[in-house]
Amino acid sequence: MQVLLAGATGAIGRPLIRALIADGNTVFALVRNPANHALARELGAEPVIADVLDRDGLLRALDGRVADAVIHQATALREVKAARRIPADDPTGLLRTIGTANLLDAADLLGARRFLVQSLILGYGYRDHGERPLTERDQFGVYDGGVADEVVRACVAGEEQVFEAAGVDGIALRYGLFYGPGAFSDLFADLMGKHAPVGPLGPGGVNSWIHVEDAAAATVAALDRGTPGRAYNLADDTPITWREFFAEVSRAHQTPRPIRLPAWLIRLVVPYIGALMADTSMRISSARAHEELGWRPQHTSVAEGLAMRTR
């Protein structure tokens, strides 16, 4: 296939380009920053300079091209600053809403009939979901009036646009929390190296994670074998607490021991982070992806995935 990839030079985009090409696809890499032009070429893609949030500029940049599929992986996670709540104009939120709409228009222009959109397991809601693993049959888009509702709302909006779009086979990929090169593990390792606080004193909530290489492999599997109109949970086999996550990051990156704060203080200073670390627990089942996509994570746990960097 010829594939247009948005978010091509991000933490998932880089391994995804390699995985797509290894699968026999041609990749057009949407690059907002011209400085990343060379990186896209080095990875084996043909760069296209455009901003996903600039509809007219995006369509001009793509005019005359043809593609079979569009994959939306654009985020702005590194631009997010600690805030009391996620605003409605959060950059990643805009990419999931306005960006998705613009990329659907791009798919129409390109003649692409397959569209994969990045979603997150956090769309199930920032709360304690208990011991039972969540499946795609559970309600997606649970709001509680809290500080993180905009994250949930953006995930839901992105999925709904893709599922409701005429003329495309839409698939939503509900990834676990990302770790690996360029993802959360690197971010927290950097903070720990600077002796900055990174989490609550207690164990924190339980969450499901996915290595960026496994996320890339799952995306290619969904491109090839995913059922239109379906959402797929994509996470490893070992949900862990934040305490366990920080311990593994510290071990793998050889950083100082993580500095932690009381959960009440995190909720007071940065309620959004507190909602994620202290108040949210979710164990995710990826059984549908195992059965329908033939995908299983190469790294079955964060410990196993981060151990790879030390070998």
C-alpha atoms as a PDB file:
ATOM      1  CA  MET A   1       0.000   0.000   0.000  1.00  0.00           C
ATOM      2  CA  GLN A   2       0.864   3.670  -0.264  1.00  0.00           C
ATOM      3  CA  VAL A   3       0.390   5.111   3.222  1.00  0.00           C
ATOM      4  CA  LEU A   4       0.202   8.698   4.445  1.00  0.00           C
ATOM      5  CA  LEU A   5       1.526   8.822   8.023  1.00  0.00           C
ATOM      6  CA  ALA A   6       0.878  11.806  10.287  1.00  0.00           C
ATOM      7  CA  GLY A   7       3.132  12.038  13.323  1.00  0.00           C
ATOM      8  CA  ALA A   8       5.861  10.334  11.348  1.00  0.00           C
ATOM      9  CA  THR A   9       8.865  11.522  13.372  1.00  0.00           C
ATOM     10  CA  GLY A  10       7.365  11.023  16.840  1.00  0.00           C
ATOM     11  CA  ALA A  11       8.028   8.239  19.313  1.00  0.00           C
ATOM     12  CA  ILE A  12       5.664   5.837  17.517  1.00  0.00           C
ATOM     13  CA  GLY A  13       6.101   7.273  14.044  1.00  0.00           C
ATOM     14  CA  ARG A  14       9.770   6.395  13.739  1.00  0.00           C
ATOM     15  CA  PRO A  15       9.470   2.660  14.431  1.00  0.00           C
ATOM     16  CA  LEU A  16       6.192   2.658  12.499  1.00  0.00           C
ATOM     17  CA  ILE A  17       7.866   3.924   9.336  1.00  0.00           C
ATOM     18  CA  ARG A  18      10.383   1.091   9.563  1.00  0.00           C
ATOM     19  CA  ALA A  19       7.641  -1.476  10.253  1.00  0.00           C
ATOM     20  CA  LEU A  20       5.475  -0.247   7.367  1.00  0.00           C
ATOM     21  CA  ILE A  21       8.349  -0.377   4.905  1.00  0.00           C
ATOM     22  CA  ALA A  22       9.381  -3.835   6.125  1.00  0.00           C
ATOM     23  CA  ASP A  23       5.790  -4.894   5.401  1.00  0.00           C
ATOM     24  CA  GLY A  24       6.165  -3.753   1.790  1.00  0.00           C
ATOM     25  CA  ASN A  25       4.430  -0.369   1.999  1.00  0.00           C
ATOM     26  CA  THR A  26       5.463   3.018   0.639  1.00  0.00           C
ATOM     27  CA  VAL A  27       5.266   5.789   3.245  1.00  0.00           C
ATOM     28  CA  PHE A  28       4.548   9.483   2.764  1.00  0.00           C
ATOM     29  CA  ALA A  29       5.633  11.086   6.043  1.00  0.00           C
ATOM     30  CA  LEU A  30       3.824  14.248   7.090  1.00  0.00           C
ATOM     31  CA  VAL A  31       6.434  16.495   8.697  1.00  0.00           C
ATOM     32  CA  ARG A  32       5.513  19.839  10.229  1.00  0.00           C
ATOM     33  CA  ASN A  33       9.070  20.911  11.038  1.00  0.00           C
ATOM     34  CA  PRO A  34      11.322  21.103   7.950  1.00  0.00           C
ATOM     35  CA  ALA A  35      14.241  20.229  10.242  1.00  0.00           C
ATOM     36  CA  ASN A  36      12.851  16.664  10.396  1.00  0.00           C
ATOM     37  CA  HIS A  37      12.827  16.308   6.599  1.00  0.00           C
ATOM     38  CA  ALA A  38      16.157  14.474   6.589  1.00  0.00           C
ATOM     39  CA  LEU A  39      15.093  12.149   9.411  1.00  0.00           C
ATOM     40  CA  ALA A  40      12.018  11.040   7.469  1.00  0.00           C
ATOM     41  CA  ARG A  41      14.179  10.253   4.438  1.00  0.00           C
ATOM     42  CA  GLU A  42      16.729   8.451   6.585  1.00  0.00           C
ATOM     43  CA  LEU A  43      13.930   6.241   7.923  1.00  0.00           C
ATOM     44  CA  GLY A  44      12.931   5.381   4.361  1.00  0.00           C
ATOM     45  CA  ALA A  45       9.869   7.609   3.897  1.00  0.00           C
ATOM     46  CA  GLU A  46       9.139  10.389   1.451  1.00  0.00           C
ATOM     47  CA  PRO A  47       8.614  13.562   3.506  1.00  0.00           C
ATOM     48  CA  VAL A  48       5.700  15.917   2.904  1.00  0.00           C
ATOM     49  CA  ILE A  49       5.983  19.270   4.682  1.00  0.00           C
ATOM     50  CA  ALA A  50       2.590  20.245   6.135  1.00  0.00           C
ATOM     51  CA  ASP A  51       0.810  21.071   9.391  1.00  0.00           C
ATOM     52  CA  VAL A  52      -2.067  18.707  10.188  1.00  0.00           C
ATOM     53  CA  LEU A  53      -3.952  21.610  11.817  1.00  0.00           C
ATOM     54  CA  ASP A  54      -3.704  23.756   8.663  1.00  0.00           C
ATOM     55  CA  ARG A  55      -6.341  22.172   6.417  1.00  0.00           C
ATOM     56  CA  ASP A  56      -5.720  24.302   3.322  1.00  0.00           C
ATOM     57  CA  GLY A  57      -1.954  23.974   3.552  1.00  0.00           C
ATOM     58  CA  LEU A  58      -2.251  20.227   4.125  1.00  0.00           C
ATOM     59  CA  LEU A  59      -4.424  19.718   1.048  1.00  0.00           C
ATOM     60  CA  ARG A  60      -2.121  21.878  -1.082  1.00  0.00           C
ATOM     61  CA  ALA A  61       0.894  19.829  -0.003  1.00  0.00           C
ATOM     62  CA  LEU A  62      -0.877  16.585  -0.932  1.00  0.00           C
ATOM     63  CA  ASP A  63      -2.481  17.727  -4.168  1.00  0.00           C
ATOM     64  CA  GLY A  64      -1.671  15.336  -7.022  1.00  0.00           C
ATOM     65  CA  ARG A  65      -0.679  12.462  -4.749  1.00  0.00           C
ATOM     66  CA  VAL A  66      -2.447   9.130  -4.330  1.00  0.00           C
ATOM     67  CA  ALA A  67      -2.554   6.866  -1.259  1.00  0.00           C
ATOM     68  CA  ASP A  68      -4.395   3.759  -0.133  1.00  0.00           C
ATOM     69  CA  ALA A  69      -4.441   4.502   3.587  1.00  0.00           C
ATOM     70  CA  VAL A  70      -3.978   7.274   6.141  1.00  0.00           C
ATOM     71  CA  ILE A  71      -2.583   6.620   9.633  1.00  0.00           C
ATOM     72  CA  HIS A  72      -3.064   9.383  12.202  1.00  0.00           C
ATOM     73  CA  GLN A  73      -0.376   9.241  14.919  1.00  0.00           C
ATOM     74  CA  ALA A  74       0.114  12.985  15.397  1.00  0.00           C
ATOM     75  CA  THR A  75       0.356  14.176  19.002  1.00  0.00           C
ATOM     76  CA  ALA A  76       1.981  17.060  20.837  1.00  0.00           C
ATOM     77  CA  LEU A  77       2.716  15.310  24.126  1.00  0.00           C
ATOM     78  CA  ARG A  78       6.099  16.954  24.551  1.00  0.00           C
ATOM     79  CA  GLU A  79       4.490  20.381  24.264  1.00  0.00           C
ATOM     80  CA  VAL A  80       2.153  19.767  27.205  1.00  0.00           C
ATOM     81  CA  LYS A  81       3.126  21.700  30.323  1.00  0.00           C
ATOM     82  CA  ALA A  82       2.084  20.942  33.872  1.00  0.00           C
ATOM     83  CA  ALA A  83      -1.297  22.590  34.288  1.00  0.00           C
ATOM     84  CA  ARG A  84      -4.200  22.527  36.700  1.00  0.00           C
ATOM     85  CA  ARG A  85      -6.403  21.019  34.015  1.00  0.00           C
ATOM     86  CA  ILE A  86      -6.256  20.037  30.369  1.00  0.00           C
ATOM     87  CA  PRO A  87      -7.679  22.979  28.389  1.00  0.00           C
ATOM     88  CA  ALA A  88     -10.038  22.572  25.455  1.00  0.00           C
ATOM     89  CA  ASP A  89      -7.304  23.957  23.185  1.00  0.00           C
ATOM     90  CA  ASP A  90      -4.659  21.461  24.343  1.00  0.00           C
ATOM     91  CA  PRO A  91      -2.411  20.778  21.303  1.00  0.00           C
ATOM     92  CA  THR A  92      -2.878  17.009  21.372  1.00  0.00           C
ATOM     93  CA  GLY A  93      -6.618  17.439  21.849  1.00  0.00           C
ATOM     94  CA  LEU A  94      -6.763  19.669  18.769  1.00  0.00           C
ATOM     95  CA  LEU A  95      -4.836  17.079  16.780  1.00  0.00           C
ATOM     96  CA  ARG A  96      -7.394  14.429  17.790  1.00  0.00           C
ATOM     97  CA  THR A  97     -10.348  16.645  16.841  1.00  0.00           C
ATOM     98  CA  ILE A  98      -9.497  19.228  14.176  1.00  0.00           C
ATOM     99  CA  GLY A  99      -6.491  17.216  13.005  1.00  0.00           C
ATOM    100  CA  THR A 100      -8.609  14.119  12.459  1.00  0.00           C
ATOM    101  CA  ALA A 101     -11.156  16.105  10.453  1.00  0.00           C
ATOM    102  CA  ASN A 102      -8.401  17.576   8.275  1.00  0.00           C
ATOM    103  CA  LEU A 103      -6.795  14.182   7.689  1.00  0.00           C
ATOM    104  CA  LEU A 104     -10.162  12.720   6.689  1.00  0.00           C
ATOM    105  CA  ASP A 105     -10.378  15.460   4.059  1.00  0.00           C
ATOM    106  CA  ALA A 106      -6.836  14.534   3.024  1.00  0.00           C
ATOM    107  CA  ALA A 107      -7.879  10.880   2.704  1.00  0.00           C
ATOM    108  CA  ASP A 108     -10.685  11.934   0.380  1.00  0.00           C
ATOM    109  CA  LEU A 109      -8.257  13.954  -1.738  1.00  0.00           C
ATOM    110  CA  LEU A 110      -5.770  11.072  -1.908  1.00  0.00           C
ATOM    111  CA  GLY A 111      -8.403   8.455  -2.669  1.00  0.00           C
ATOM    112  CA  ALA A 112      -7.450   6.592   0.520  1.00  0.00           C
ATOM    113  CA  ARG A 113     -10.097   4.144   1.674  1.00  0.00           C
ATOM    114  CA  ARG A 114      -8.517   2.959   4.926  1.00  0.00           C
ATOM    115  CA  PHE A 115      -8.012   5.223   7.941  1.00  0.00           C
ATOM    116  CA  LEU A 116      -6.366   4.317  11.264  1.00  0.00           C
ATOM    117  CA  VAL A 117      -6.552   6.775  14.150  1.00  0.00           C
ATOM    118  CA  GLN A 118      -4.545   6.819  17.365  1.00  0.00           C
ATOM    119  CA  SER A 119      -6.686   6.629  20.486  1.00  0.00           C
ATOM    120  CA  LEU A 120      -5.792   5.799  24.090  1.00  0.00           C
ATOM    121  CA  ILE A 121      -7.026   3.462  26.795  1.00  0.00           C
ATOM    122  CA  LEU A 122      -7.471   6.597  28.916  1.00  0.00           C
ATOM    123  CA  GLY A 123     -10.611   7.216  26.904  1.00  0.00           C
ATOM    124  CA  TYR A 124     -12.283   4.638  29.153  1.00  0.00           C
ATOM    125  CA  GLY A 125     -12.158   7.293  31.872  1.00  0.00           C
ATOM    126  CA  TYR A 126      -9.861   8.531  34.632  1.00  0.00           C
ATOM    127  CA  ARG A 127     -11.090   6.413  37.535  1.00  0.00           C
ATOM    128  CA  ASP A 128     -10.494   3.105  39.280  1.00  0.00           C
ATOM    129  CA  HIS A 129     -11.963   0.472  36.952  1.00  0.00           C
ATOM    130  CA  GLY A 130     -11.331  -2.376  39.375  1.00  0.00           C
ATOM    131  CA  GLU A 131      -9.706  -5.748  38.866  1.00  0.00           C
ATOM    132  CA  ARG A 132     -11.576  -6.882  35.747  1.00  0.00           C
ATOM    133  CA  PRO A 133      -9.684  -6.301  32.482  1.00  0.00           C
ATOM    134  CA  LEU A 134     -11.419  -3.789  30.226  1.00  0.00           C
ATOM    135  CA  THR A 135     -12.436  -4.930  26.743  1.00  0.00           C
ATOM    136  CA  GLU A 136     -13.728  -3.013  23.756  1.00  0.00           C
ATOM    137  CA  ARG A 137     -17.257  -3.891  24.894  1.00  0.00           C
ATOM    138  CA  ASP A 138     -16.869  -1.636  27.935  1.00  0.00           C
ATOM    139  CA  GLN A 139     -18.137   1.918  27.736  1.00  0.00           C
ATOM    140  CA  PHE A 140     -15.642   4.263  26.103  1.00  0.00           C
ATOM    141  CA  GLY A 141     -15.965   7.892  27.055  1.00  0.00           C
ATOM    142  CA  VAL A 142     -16.730   7.972  30.779  1.00  0.00           C
ATOM    143  CA  TYR A 143     -16.724  11.508  32.183  1.00  0.00           C
ATOM    144  CA  ASP A 144     -16.706  12.502  35.831  1.00  0.00           C
ATOM    145  CA  GLY A 145     -16.460  16.283  35.599  1.00  0.00           C
ATOM    146  CA  GLY A 146     -12.787  16.080  36.546  1.00  0.00           C
ATOM    147  CA  VAL A 147      -9.688  17.782  35.253  1.00  0.00           C
ATOM    148  CA  ALA A 148      -8.904  15.149  32.609  1.00  0.00           C
ATOM    149  CA  ASP A 149     -12.271  14.999  30.864  1.00  0.00           C
ATOM    150  CA  GLU A 150     -10.855  16.871  27.853  1.00  0.00           C
ATOM    151  CA  VAL A 151      -8.454  13.987  27.202  1.00  0.00           C
ATOM    152  CA  VAL A 152     -11.356  11.529  27.214  1.00  0.00           C
ATOM    153  CA  ARG A 153     -13.490  13.840  25.067  1.00  0.00           C
ATOM    154  CA  ALA A 154     -10.737  14.218  22.452  1.00  0.00           C
ATOM    155  CA  CYS A 155     -10.211  10.444  22.207  1.00  0.00           C
ATOM    156  CA  VAL A 156     -13.938   9.884  21.747  1.00  0.00           C
ATOM    157  CA  ALA A 157     -14.219  12.670  19.164  1.00  0.00           C
ATOM    158  CA  GLY A 158     -11.346  11.287  17.104  1.00  0.00           C
ATOM    159  CA  GLU A 159     -12.834   7.798  17.065  1.00  0.00           C
ATOM    160  CA  GLU A 160     -16.361   8.969  16.259  1.00  0.00           C
ATOM    161  CA  GLN A 161     -15.205  11.054  13.306  1.00  0.00           C
ATOM    162  CA  VAL A 162     -13.373   8.110  11.785  1.00  0.00           C
ATOM    163  CA  PHE A 163     -16.179   5.613  12.365  1.00  0.00           C
ATOM    164  CA  GLU A 164     -18.802   7.976  10.932  1.00  0.00           C
ATOM    165  CA  ALA A 165     -16.828   9.207   7.914  1.00  0.00           C
ATOM    166  CA  ALA A 166     -18.275   8.253   4.548  1.00  0.00           C
ATOM    167  CA  GLY A 167     -16.079   6.428   2.089  1.00  0.00           C
ATOM    168  CA  VAL A 168     -13.376   5.191   4.469  1.00  0.00           C
ATOM    169  CA  ASP A 169     -12.860   2.022   6.481  1.00  0.00           C
ATOM    170  CA  GLY A 170     -12.136   3.493   9.898  1.00  0.00           C
ATOM    171  CA  ILE A 171     -10.234   1.705  12.669  1.00  0.00           C
ATOM    172  CA  ALA A 172      -9.376   3.078  16.140  1.00  0.00           C
ATOM    173  CA  LEU A 173      -6.274   1.932  17.995  1.00  0.00           C
ATOM    174  CA  ARG A 174      -6.603   2.272  21.766  1.00  0.00           C
ATOM    175  CA  TYR A 175      -2.990   2.131  22.881  1.00  0.00           C
ATOM    176  CA  GLY A 176      -1.776   1.607  26.416  1.00  0.00           C
ATOM    177  CA  LEU A 177       0.617   4.147  27.930  1.00  0.00           C
ATOM    178  CA  PHE A 178       3.696   4.407  25.730  1.00  0.00           C
ATOM    179  CA  TYR A 179       7.219   3.621  26.856  1.00  0.00           C
ATOM    180  CA  GLY A 180      10.491   3.105  25.029  1.00  0.00           C
ATOM    181  CA  PRO A 181      12.719   5.504  23.037  1.00  0.00           C
ATOM    182  CA  GLY A 182      11.239   8.991  22.958  1.00  0.00           C
ATOM    183  CA  ALA A 183       8.216   8.010  25.088  1.00  0.00           C
ATOM    184  CA  PHE A 184       7.255   8.293  28.776  1.00  0.00           C
ATOM    185  CA  SER A 185      10.110   6.152  30.081  1.00  0.00           C
ATOM    186  CA  ASP A 186      12.676   8.523  28.540  1.00  0.00           C
ATOM    187  CA  LEU A 187      10.761  11.545  29.823  1.00  0.00           C
ATOM    188  CA  PHE A 188      10.641  10.256  33.400  1.00  0.00           C
ATOM    189  CA  ALA A 189      14.259   9.075  33.275  1.00  0.00           C
ATOM    190  CA  ASP A 190      15.244  12.626  32.371  1.00  0.00           C
ATOM    191  CA  LEU A 191      13.236  14.018  35.297  1.00  0.00           C
ATOM    192  CA  MET A 192      14.752  11.510  37.717  1.00  0.00           C
ATOM    193  CA  GLY A 193      18.211  12.401  36.451  1.00  0.00           C
ATOM    194  CA  LYS A 194      17.465  16.007  37.417  1.00  0.00           C
ATOM    195  CA  HIS A 195      16.199  14.912  40.868  1.00  0.00           C
ATOM    196  CA  ALA A 196      12.697  16.157  40.049  1.00  0.00           C
ATOM    197  CA  PRO A 197       9.649  14.584  41.740  1.00  0.00           C
ATOM    198  CA  VAL A 198       7.932  12.116  39.434  1.00  0.00           C
ATOM    199  CA  GLY A 199       5.027  10.480  41.240  1.00  0.00           C
ATOM    200  CA  PRO A 200       3.053   9.694  44.397  1.00  0.00           C
ATOM    201  CA  LEU A 201       4.532   8.261  47.587  1.00  0.00           C
ATOM    202  CA  GLY A 202       2.299   5.207  47.490  1.00  0.00           C
ATOM    203  CA  PRO A 203       2.171   2.584  44.754  1.00  0.00           C
ATOM    204  CA  GLY A 204      -0.156   4.686  42.612  1.00  0.00           C
ATOM    205  CA  GLY A 205      -2.765   3.321  40.273  1.00  0.00           C
ATOM    206  CA  VAL A 206      -2.376   0.266  38.046  1.00  0.00           C
ATOM    207  CA  ASN A 207      -2.053   0.888  34.320  1.00  0.00           C
ATOM    208  CA  SER A 208      -1.373  -1.023  31.127  1.00  0.00           C
ATOM    209  CA  TRP A 209       1.612  -0.087  28.976  1.00  0.00           C
ATOM    210  CA  ILE A 210       2.927  -0.757  25.470  1.00  0.00           C
ATOM    211  CA  HIS A 211       6.430  -0.456  24.036  1.00  0.00           C
ATOM    212  CA  VAL A 212       6.585   1.837  20.986  1.00  0.00           C
ATOM    213  CA  GLU A 213       7.991  -0.994  18.847  1.00  0.00           C
ATOM    214  CA  ASP A 214       5.014  -3.188  19.799  1.00  0.00           C
ATOM    215  CA  ALA A 215       2.671  -0.287  19.083  1.00  0.00           C
ATOM    216  CA  ALA A 216       4.187  -0.003  15.604  1.00  0.00           C
ATOM    217  CA  ALA A 217       3.814  -3.741  14.953  1.00  0.00           C
ATOM    218  CA  ALA A 218       0.189  -3.665  16.133  1.00  0.00           C
ATOM    219  CA  THR A 219      -0.543  -0.735  13.829  1.00  0.00           C
ATOM    220  CA  VAL A 220       0.784  -2.571  10.786  1.00  0.00           C
ATOM    221  CA  ALA A 221      -1.278  -5.627  11.762  1.00  0.00           C
ATOM    222  CA  ALA A 222      -4.386  -3.431  12.006  1.00  0.00           C
ATOM    223  CA  LEU A 223      -3.637  -1.865   8.630  1.00  0.00           C
ATOM    224  CA  ASP A 224      -3.419  -5.307   7.047  1.00  0.00           C
ATOM    225  CA  ARG A 225      -6.091  -7.225   8.955  1.00  0.00           C
ATOM    226  CA  GLY A 226      -8.198  -4.847  11.040  1.00  0.00           C
ATOM    227  CA  THR A 227     -11.980  -4.925  10.681  1.00  0.00           C
ATOM    228  CA  PRO A 228     -13.541  -1.612   9.570  1.00  0.00           C
ATOM    229  CA  GLY A 229     -15.567   0.056  12.301  1.00  0.00           C
ATOM    230  CA  ARG A 230     -13.643  -1.724  15.062  1.00  0.00           C
ATOM    231  CA  ALA A 231     -11.627  -0.395  17.986  1.00  0.00           C
ATOM    232  CA  TYR A 232      -8.676  -2.435  19.261  1.00  0.00           C
ATOM    233  CA  ASN A 233      -7.108  -2.318  22.716  1.00  0.00           C
ATOM    234  CA  LEU A 234      -3.332  -2.602  22.410  1.00  0.00           C
ATOM    235  CA  ALA A 235      -1.297  -3.167  25.568  1.00  0.00           C
ATOM    236  CA  ASP A 236       1.215  -5.603  27.003  1.00  0.00           C
ATOM    237  CA  ASP A 237       0.355  -8.529  29.258  1.00  0.00           C
ATOM    238  CA  THR A 238       1.480  -7.056  32.598  1.00  0.00           C
ATOM    239  CA  PRO A 239      -0.359  -4.084  34.154  1.00  0.00           C
ATOM    240  CA  ILE A 240       1.813  -2.425  36.816  1.00  0.00           C
ATOM    241  CA  THR A 241       1.645   0.326  39.435  1.00  0.00           C
ATOM    242  CA  TRP A 242       3.435   3.620  38.995  1.00  0.00           C
ATOM    243  CA  ARG A 243       5.856   2.650  41.758  1.00  0.00           C
ATOM    244  CA  GLU A 244       6.805  -0.437  39.750  1.00  0.00           C
ATOM    245  CA  PHE A 245       7.088   1.602  36.559  1.00  0.00           C
ATOM    246  CA  PHE A 246       9.453   4.160  38.117  1.00  0.00           C
ATOM    247  CA  ALA A 247      11.569   1.378  39.626  1.00  0.00           C
ATOM    248  CA  GLU A 248      12.001  -0.243  36.211  1.00  0.00           C
ATOM    249  CA  VAL A 249      12.832   3.090  34.560  1.00  0.00           C
ATOM    250  CA  SER A 250      15.399   3.863  37.257  1.00  0.00           C
ATOM    251  CA  ARG A 251      16.958   0.414  36.869  1.00  0.00           C
ATOM    252  CA  ALA A 252      17.127   0.519  33.078  1.00  0.00           C
ATOM    253  CA  HIS A 253      18.377   4.109  32.787  1.00  0.00           C
ATOM    254  CA  GLN A 254      20.559   3.952  35.901  1.00  0.00           C
ATOM    255  CA  THR A 255      19.067   7.125  37.325  1.00  0.00           C
ATOM    256  CA  PRO A 256      18.853   8.141  40.992  1.00  0.00           C
ATOM    257  CA  ARG A 257      15.968   6.644  42.937  1.00  0.00           C
ATOM    258  CA  PRO A 258      12.716   8.418  42.042  1.00  0.00           C
ATOM    259  CA  ILE A 259      11.583  11.258  44.284  1.00  0.00           C
ATOM    260  CA  ARG A 260       7.884  11.015  45.118  1.00  0.00           C
ATOM    261  CA  LEU A 261       5.344  13.329  46.704  1.00  0.00           C
ATOM    262  CA  PRO A 262       2.164  12.699  48.701  1.00  0.00           C
ATOM    263  CA  ALA A 263      -0.737  12.043  46.369  1.00  0.00           C
ATOM    264  CA  TRP A 264      -2.734  14.903  47.890  1.00  0.00           C
ATOM    265  CA  LEU A 265       0.034  17.353  46.989  1.00  0.00           C
ATOM    266  CA  ILE A 266       0.181  16.150  43.383  1.00  0.00           C
ATOM    267  CA  ARG A 267      -3.606  16.505  43.133  1.00  0.00           C
ATOM    268  CA  LEU A 268      -3.321  20.048  44.534  1.00  0.00           C
ATOM    269  CA  VAL A 269      -0.471  21.254  42.319  1.00  0.00           C
ATOM    270  CA  VAL A 270      -1.145  19.329  39.096  1.00  0.00           C
ATOM    271  CA  PRO A 271      -4.583  17.700  39.382  1.00  0.00           C
ATOM    272  CA  TYR A 272      -4.394  16.174  35.892  1.00  0.00           C
ATOM    273  CA  ILE A 273      -1.240  14.236  36.790  1.00  0.00           C
ATOM    274  CA  GLY A 274      -2.774  13.273  40.114  1.00  0.00           C
ATOM    275  CA  ALA A 275      -5.878  11.982  38.329  1.00  0.00           C
ATOM    276  CA  LEU A 276      -3.695   9.747  36.191  1.00  0.00           C
ATOM    277  CA  MET A 277      -1.197   8.515  38.770  1.00  0.00           C
ATOM    278  CA  ALA A 278      -3.197   8.278  41.971  1.00  0.00           C
ATOM    279  CA  ASP A 279      -6.851   7.980  40.963  1.00  0.00           C
ATOM    280  CA  THR A 280      -6.794   5.951  37.737  1.00  0.00           C
ATOM    281  CA  SER A 281      -6.428   2.179  37.595  1.00  0.00           C
ATOM    282  CA  MET A 282      -7.191   0.105  34.525  1.00  0.00           C
ATOM    283  CA  ARG A 283      -6.202  -3.338  33.416  1.00  0.00           C
ATOM    284  CA  ILE A 284      -6.622  -3.772  29.680  1.00  0.00           C
ATOM    285  CA  SER A 285      -7.454  -6.878  27.677  1.00  0.00           C
ATOM    286  CA  SER A 286      -5.989  -7.018  24.166  1.00  0.00           C
ATOM    287  CA  ALA A 287      -7.675 -10.342  23.363  1.00  0.00           C
ATOM    288  CA  ARG A 288      -9.483  -8.931  20.330  1.00  0.00           C
ATOM    289  CA  ALA A 289      -6.197  -7.775  18.797  1.00  0.00           C
ATOM    290  CA  HIS A 290      -4.627 -11.150  19.538  1.00  0.00           C
ATOM    291  CA  GLU A 291      -7.460 -13.005  17.831  1.00  0.00           C
ATOM    292  CA  GLU A 292      -8.319 -10.721  14.906  1.00  0.00           C
ATOM    293  CA  LEU A 293      -4.969  -9.112  14.110  1.00  0.00           C
ATOM    294  CA  GLY A 294      -2.686 -12.019  14.970  1.00  0.00           C
ATOM    295  CA  TRP A 295      -0.670  -9.570  17.085  1.00  0.00           C
ATOM    296  CA  ARG A 296       0.996 -10.168  20.416  1.00  0.00           C
ATOM    297  CA  PRO A 297       3.490  -7.862  22.114  1.00  0.00           C
ATOM    298  CA  GLN A 298       7.123  -8.826  21.742  1.00  0.00           C
ATOM    299  CA  HIS A 299       7.723  -7.195  25.142  1.00  0.00           C
ATOM    300  CA  THR A 300       5.212  -8.695  27.559  1.00  0.00           C
ATOM    301  CA  SER A 301       6.078  -6.283  30.393  1.00  0.00           C
ATOM    302  CA  VAL A 302       7.746  -2.938  31.007  1.00  0.00           C
ATOM    303  CA  ALA A 303      10.562  -4.759  32.816  1.00  0.00           C
ATOM    304  CA  GLU A 304      11.218  -6.906  29.756  1.00  0.00           C
ATOM    305  CA  GLY A 305      10.935  -4.000  27.309  1.00  0.00           C
ATOM    306  CA  LEU A 306      13.258  -1.683  29.204  1.00  0.00           C
ATOM    307  CA  ALA A 307      15.761  -4.489  29.796  1.00  0.00           C
ATOM    308  CA  MET A 308      16.324  -4.537  26.015  1.00  0.00           C
ATOM    309  CA  ARG A 309      18.051  -1.143  26.111  1.00  0.00           C
ATOM    310  CA  THR A 310      20.732  -2.466  28.476  1.00  0.00           C
ATOM    311  CA  ARG A 311      21.682  -5.456  26.305  1.00  0.00           C
END
